[in-house]
Structure formats: C-alpha cells, structure tokens
Amino acid sequence: MKDASKGEKKMMDTVLVVEDSRAMQRTLQRLLEADSLQVQIASDGIAGLESFRKQPPSAVLRPEAPRTLREGTLP
C-alpha cells in the first residue's frame, strides 16, 4: 500500500478466495471488504489458478482444498 499521508493514492490489497460454496464466498467477501480489502472469487481450484495467473493477489484464502485440487485434476 502507498502512504496516503503523502498525497499518494492508497492501493487496496487483493485477496483471492477459492471456495465452491456460494454462501461461504459471500460471507468471506463481506468480511474481507469490511477490512477494506479487494476480493476476487474463484469457485474451484482451476478457476483459482487461472485467476492467480492473470492477476496475482496479495493473498490467497482457501478454507478447504477445492475438489479439483484434492482430486488431482490440475491442468
């Protein structure tokens, strides 16, 4: 993040949430956005990997290994 006291624009940290449960996605997104974090959502491990490659986040949150990663079906 940049120092806002010097008149620089403050950049938001981005968190990639990899979660297949839509309800959990919404809950985590609300919690993280309440802490002024930008949130990217991926519904499975493959989408998470693609999202990570396109725009690397500051952090990745995956409460449980997505099914596609557990089953070893990574491309």
N, C-alpha and C. Protein backbone atom coordinates (compact mmCIF):
# COMPACT_ATOMS: atom_id res chain seq x y z
N MET A 1 0.83 -1.18 0.00
CA MET A 1 0.00 0.00 0.00
C MET A 1 0.88 1.24 0.00
N LYS A 2 0.37 2.27 -0.58
CA LYS A 2 1.11 3.53 -0.61
C LYS A 2 0.72 4.37 0.59
N ASP A 3 1.57 5.31 0.94
CA ASP A 3 1.35 6.18 2.09
C ASP A 3 0.39 7.30 1.72
N ALA A 4 -0.82 7.24 2.25
CA ALA A 4 -1.85 8.24 1.94
C ALA A 4 -1.50 9.61 2.53
N SER A 5 -0.65 9.66 3.56
CA SER A 5 -0.30 10.93 4.18
C SER A 5 0.55 11.80 3.26
N LYS A 6 1.17 11.21 2.26
CA LYS A 6 2.00 11.95 1.31
C LYS A 6 1.23 12.30 0.05
N GLY A 7 -0.09 12.17 0.09
CA GLY A 7 -0.91 12.51 -1.05
C GLY A 7 -0.93 11.46 -2.14
N GLU A 8 -0.35 10.31 -1.88
CA GLU A 8 -0.35 9.23 -2.86
C GLU A 8 -1.64 8.43 -2.73
N LYS A 9 -2.07 7.91 -3.85
CA LYS A 9 -3.28 7.10 -3.85
C LYS A 9 -3.01 5.79 -3.12
N LYS A 10 -3.89 5.44 -2.19
CA LYS A 10 -3.75 4.20 -1.43
C LYS A 10 -4.26 3.03 -2.27
N MET A 11 -3.41 2.02 -2.44
CA MET A 11 -3.78 0.84 -3.19
C MET A 11 -4.38 -0.19 -2.24
N MET A 12 -5.42 -0.86 -2.69
CA MET A 12 -6.04 -1.88 -1.87
C MET A 12 -5.33 -3.21 -2.07
N ASP A 13 -5.13 -3.93 -0.99
CA ASP A 13 -4.62 -5.30 -1.09
C ASP A 13 -5.75 -6.17 -1.62
N THR A 14 -5.37 -7.17 -2.40
CA THR A 14 -6.35 -8.06 -3.01
C THR A 14 -6.21 -9.46 -2.41
N VAL A 15 -7.35 -10.07 -2.10
CA VAL A 15 -7.38 -11.44 -1.59
C VAL A 15 -8.17 -12.28 -2.58
N LEU A 16 -7.59 -13.38 -3.01
CA LEU A 16 -8.28 -14.34 -3.86
C LEU A 16 -8.90 -15.40 -2.96
N VAL A 17 -10.22 -15.53 -3.02
CA VAL A 17 -10.94 -16.53 -2.23
C VAL A 17 -11.31 -17.68 -3.17
N VAL A 18 -10.81 -18.87 -2.87
CA VAL A 18 -11.11 -20.06 -3.67
C VAL A 18 -12.03 -20.93 -2.82
N GLU A 19 -13.29 -20.93 -3.18
CA GLU A 19 -14.31 -21.62 -2.37
C GLU A 19 -15.47 -22.01 -3.27
N ASP A 20 -15.93 -23.26 -3.17
CA ASP A 20 -17.02 -23.69 -4.04
C ASP A 20 -18.41 -23.40 -3.46
N SER A 21 -18.52 -23.12 -2.19
CA SER A 21 -19.81 -22.80 -1.59
C SER A 21 -20.14 -21.32 -1.79
N ARG A 22 -21.23 -21.06 -2.49
CA ARG A 22 -21.62 -19.66 -2.76
C ARG A 22 -21.89 -18.90 -1.46
N ALA A 23 -22.51 -19.56 -0.49
CA ALA A 23 -22.79 -18.89 0.80
C ALA A 23 -21.49 -18.50 1.51
N MET A 24 -20.50 -19.38 1.48
CA MET A 24 -19.21 -19.08 2.11
C MET A 24 -18.49 -17.98 1.34
N GLN A 25 -18.59 -18.00 0.01
CA GLN A 25 -17.99 -16.93 -0.80
C GLN A 25 -18.53 -15.57 -0.37
N ARG A 26 -19.85 -15.47 -0.26
CA ARG A 26 -20.48 -14.18 0.13
C ARG A 26 -20.05 -13.76 1.52
N THR A 27 -20.02 -14.71 2.45
CA THR A 27 -19.63 -14.39 3.83
C THR A 27 -18.20 -13.88 3.89
N LEU A 28 -17.29 -14.59 3.25
CA LEU A 28 -15.88 -14.18 3.26
C LEU A 28 -15.69 -12.85 2.55
N GLN A 29 -16.41 -12.66 1.45
CA GLN A 29 -16.30 -11.40 0.71
C GLN A 29 -16.74 -10.22 1.59
N ARG A 30 -17.85 -10.37 2.28
CA ARG A 30 -18.33 -9.28 3.17
C ARG A 30 -17.32 -9.00 4.27
N LEU A 31 -16.78 -10.04 4.89
CA LEU A 31 -15.81 -9.84 5.97
C LEU A 31 -14.54 -9.15 5.48
N LEU A 32 -14.03 -9.59 4.35
CA LEU A 32 -12.80 -9.03 3.83
C LEU A 32 -12.99 -7.60 3.33
N GLU A 33 -14.11 -7.34 2.66
CA GLU A 33 -14.38 -5.99 2.19
C GLU A 33 -14.60 -5.03 3.36
N ALA A 34 -15.11 -5.52 4.46
CA ALA A 34 -15.28 -4.68 5.66
C ALA A 34 -13.92 -4.22 6.19
N ASP A 35 -12.87 -4.97 5.87
CA ASP A 35 -11.50 -4.59 6.25
C ASP A 35 -10.78 -3.87 5.11
N SER A 36 -11.55 -3.33 4.17
CA SER A 36 -11.03 -2.55 3.04
C SER A 36 -10.12 -3.34 2.12
N LEU A 37 -10.43 -4.62 1.95
CA LEU A 37 -9.67 -5.46 1.03
C LEU A 37 -10.48 -5.67 -0.25
N GLN A 38 -9.79 -5.72 -1.37
CA GLN A 38 -10.44 -6.05 -2.63
C GLN A 38 -10.49 -7.57 -2.70
N VAL A 39 -11.60 -8.14 -3.18
CA VAL A 39 -11.79 -9.59 -3.16
C VAL A 39 -12.03 -10.11 -4.57
N GLN A 40 -11.29 -11.15 -4.93
CA GLN A 40 -11.52 -11.91 -6.16
C GLN A 40 -12.10 -13.25 -5.71
N ILE A 41 -13.09 -13.75 -6.42
CA ILE A 41 -13.73 -15.03 -6.07
C ILE A 41 -13.48 -16.05 -7.18
N ALA A 42 -13.10 -17.25 -6.79
CA ALA A 42 -12.99 -18.37 -7.72
C ALA A 42 -13.77 -19.53 -7.11
N SER A 43 -14.57 -20.19 -7.94
CA SER A 43 -15.45 -21.26 -7.46
C SER A 43 -14.78 -22.62 -7.34
N ASP A 44 -13.60 -22.77 -7.94
CA ASP A 44 -12.90 -24.05 -7.83
C ASP A 44 -11.40 -23.81 -8.02
N GLY A 45 -10.64 -24.87 -7.85
CA GLY A 45 -9.19 -24.75 -7.92
C GLY A 45 -8.68 -24.33 -9.28
N ILE A 46 -9.31 -24.81 -10.34
CA ILE A 46 -8.89 -24.46 -11.69
C ILE A 46 -9.11 -22.97 -11.93
N ALA A 47 -10.30 -22.47 -11.60
CA ALA A 47 -10.59 -21.04 -11.75
C ALA A 47 -9.68 -20.20 -10.86
N GLY A 48 -9.36 -20.71 -9.68
CA GLY A 48 -8.46 -20.00 -8.78
C GLY A 48 -7.07 -19.87 -9.36
N LEU A 49 -6.58 -20.95 -9.94
CA LEU A 49 -5.26 -20.93 -10.56
C LEU A 49 -5.23 -19.97 -11.75
N GLU A 50 -6.27 -20.00 -12.56
CA GLU A 50 -6.35 -19.08 -13.71
C GLU A 50 -6.38 -17.64 -13.25
N SER A 51 -7.18 -17.36 -12.22
CA SER A 51 -7.27 -16.00 -11.68
C SER A 51 -5.93 -15.56 -11.12
N PHE A 52 -5.26 -16.45 -10.42
CA PHE A 52 -3.95 -16.15 -9.84
C PHE A 52 -2.93 -15.81 -10.93
N ARG A 53 -2.97 -16.56 -12.02
CA ARG A 53 -2.03 -16.32 -13.11
C ARG A 53 -2.30 -15.00 -13.83
N LYS A 54 -3.59 -14.65 -13.98
CA LYS A 54 -3.96 -13.42 -14.68
C LYS A 54 -3.64 -12.17 -13.86
N GLN A 55 -3.98 -12.22 -12.59
CA GLN A 55 -3.80 -11.06 -11.71
C GLN A 55 -3.43 -11.55 -10.32
N PRO A 56 -2.14 -11.72 -10.06
CA PRO A 56 -1.71 -12.25 -8.76
C PRO A 56 -2.20 -11.39 -7.59
N PRO A 57 -2.86 -12.00 -6.63
CA PRO A 57 -3.37 -11.28 -5.47
C PRO A 57 -2.28 -11.11 -4.41
N SER A 58 -2.58 -10.33 -3.39
CA SER A 58 -1.67 -10.18 -2.25
C SER A 58 -1.68 -11.44 -1.39
N ALA A 59 -2.85 -12.12 -1.35
CA ALA A 59 -3.01 -13.33 -0.54
C ALA A 59 -4.08 -14.22 -1.16
N VAL A 60 -4.00 -15.51 -0.84
CA VAL A 60 -5.00 -16.48 -1.29
C VAL A 60 -5.62 -17.11 -0.05
N LEU A 61 -6.94 -17.17 -0.05
CA LEU A 61 -7.66 -17.79 1.05
C LEU A 61 -8.47 -18.94 0.48
N ARG A 62 -8.19 -20.12 0.96
CA ARG A 62 -8.97 -21.29 0.56
C ARG A 62 -9.24 -22.10 1.82
N PRO A 63 -10.42 -21.93 2.38
CA PRO A 63 -10.75 -22.60 3.65
C PRO A 63 -10.54 -24.10 3.63
N GLU A 64 -10.76 -24.73 2.50
CA GLU A 64 -10.52 -26.16 2.33
C GLU A 64 -10.06 -26.35 0.89
N ALA A 65 -9.19 -27.29 0.65
CA ALA A 65 -8.72 -27.51 -0.72
C ALA A 65 -9.92 -27.78 -1.63
N PRO A 66 -10.07 -27.00 -2.70
CA PRO A 66 -11.19 -27.22 -3.63
C PRO A 66 -11.12 -28.63 -4.21
N ARG A 67 -12.26 -29.16 -4.53
CA ARG A 67 -12.39 -30.53 -5.02
C ARG A 67 -11.45 -30.81 -6.18
N THR A 68 -11.32 -29.87 -7.12
CA THR A 68 -10.49 -30.12 -8.30
C THR A 68 -9.02 -30.26 -7.92
N LEU A 69 -8.59 -29.64 -6.83
CA LEU A 69 -7.20 -29.81 -6.39
C LEU A 69 -7.04 -31.10 -5.59
N ARG A 70 -8.03 -31.43 -4.77
CA ARG A 70 -7.95 -32.65 -3.97
C ARG A 70 -7.91 -33.88 -4.85
N GLU A 71 -8.63 -33.84 -5.99
CA GLU A 71 -8.72 -34.99 -6.87
C GLU A 71 -7.54 -35.06 -7.83
N GLY A 72 -6.66 -34.08 -7.80
CA GLY A 72 -5.50 -34.10 -8.67
C GLY A 72 -5.79 -33.83 -10.12
N THR A 73 -6.82 -33.04 -10.41
CA THR A 73 -7.19 -32.77 -11.81
C THR A 73 -6.67 -31.42 -12.28
N LEU A 74 -5.54 -31.01 -11.76
CA LEU A 74 -4.95 -29.73 -12.13
C LEU A 74 -4.40 -29.82 -13.55
N PRO A 75 -4.64 -28.79 -14.38
CA PRO A 75 -4.16 -28.84 -15.78
C PRO A 75 -2.65 -28.72 -15.84
